[in-house]
Amino acid sequence: MPRPEKIETVDDIRLWITDHDARIDVWWHDQHEWNKSTEYKMHSLVERLTAVEKRVMWLSGAAAAVGSIIGALLVK
């Protein structure tokens, strides 16, 4: 169905509504698909950041432990 350029009759209004509704349905379908892919990407990014945070905490804890041992040995 072609989109009416001018709305002059009730049939033109019906055509416009049909065309507009179909475009909105397609837009929402595309939006939901995009949301799924974005949600998957964000979830994988969160997992990677969590792994990096854990690694940083372990390394800083190990460095603090080594520093406290060295500090205790140097004082005596």
Protein backbone atom coordinates (compact mmCIF):
# COMPACT_ATOMS: atom_id res chain seq x y z
CA MET A 1 0.00 0.00 0.00
CA PRO A 2 1.41 3.37 -0.92
CA ARG A 3 1.61 5.99 1.76
CA PRO A 4 -0.85 8.83 1.04
CA GLU A 5 0.78 12.18 0.38
CA LYS A 6 -2.30 14.20 1.28
CA ILE A 7 -5.00 13.13 3.65
CA GLU A 8 -8.26 14.13 2.07
CA THR A 9 -10.63 11.24 2.65
CA VAL A 10 -11.37 8.69 5.31
CA ASP A 11 -9.71 6.05 3.12
CA ASP A 12 -6.52 8.13 3.13
CA ILE A 13 -6.67 8.18 6.93
CA ARG A 14 -7.13 4.40 6.98
CA LEU A 15 -4.16 3.95 4.65
CA TRP A 16 -2.02 6.24 6.79
CA ILE A 17 -2.99 4.39 9.99
CA THR A 18 -2.27 1.01 8.41
CA ASP A 19 1.09 2.16 7.07
CA HIS A 20 2.05 3.88 10.30
CA ASP A 21 1.05 0.89 12.43
CA ALA A 22 3.08 -1.47 10.27
CA ARG A 23 6.14 0.76 10.48
CA ILE A 24 5.78 1.04 14.27
CA ASP A 25 5.51 -2.74 14.60
CA VAL A 26 8.68 -3.19 12.55
CA TRP A 27 10.44 -0.48 14.56
CA TRP A 28 9.55 -2.16 17.88
CA HIS A 29 10.63 -5.55 16.56
CA ASP A 30 14.00 -4.10 15.54
CA GLN A 31 14.28 -2.32 18.89
CA HIS A 32 13.71 -5.56 20.81
CA GLU A 33 16.31 -7.37 18.70
CA TRP A 34 18.81 -4.55 19.31
CA ASN A 35 18.06 -4.68 23.05
CA LYS A 36 18.83 -8.41 23.13
CA SER A 37 22.19 -7.98 21.41
CA THR A 38 23.09 -4.98 23.56
CA GLU A 39 22.12 -6.82 26.73
CA TYR A 40 24.36 -9.73 25.74
CA LYS A 41 27.29 -7.37 25.04
CA MET A 42 26.80 -5.55 28.35
CA HIS A 43 26.61 -8.83 30.26
CA SER A 44 29.90 -10.04 28.76
CA LEU A 45 31.49 -6.66 29.53
CA VAL A 46 30.37 -6.90 33.16
CA GLU A 47 31.84 -10.38 33.43
CA ARG A 48 35.17 -9.19 32.04
CA LEU A 49 35.26 -6.19 34.38
CA THR A 50 34.47 -8.39 37.35
CA ALA A 51 37.37 -10.69 36.44
CA VAL A 52 39.72 -7.70 36.15
CA GLU A 53 38.52 -6.33 39.50
CA LYS A 54 39.15 -9.67 41.19
CA ARG A 55 42.62 -9.86 39.68
CA VAL A 56 43.46 -6.33 40.85
CA MET A 57 42.23 -7.09 44.37
CA TRP A 58 44.34 -10.26 44.55
CA LEU A 59 47.43 -8.46 43.27
CA SER A 60 47.01 -5.51 45.61
CA GLY A 61 46.41 -7.87 48.54
CA ALA A 62 49.51 -9.85 47.65
CA ALA A 63 51.55 -6.65 47.29
CA ALA A 64 50.31 -5.43 50.67
CA ALA A 65 51.23 -8.77 52.28
CA VAL A 66 54.69 -8.75 50.73
CA GLY A 67 55.16 -5.11 51.75
CA SER A 68 54.15 -5.79 55.32
CA ILE A 69 56.51 -8.77 55.57
CA ILE A 70 59.42 -6.77 54.10
CA GLY A 71 58.57 -3.82 56.36
CA ALA A 72 58.48 -6.03 59.44
CA LEU A 73 61.86 -7.60 58.54
CA LEU A 74 63.51 -4.25 57.87
CA VAL A 75 62.45 -2.80 61.22
CA LYS A 76 64.17 -5.54 63.25
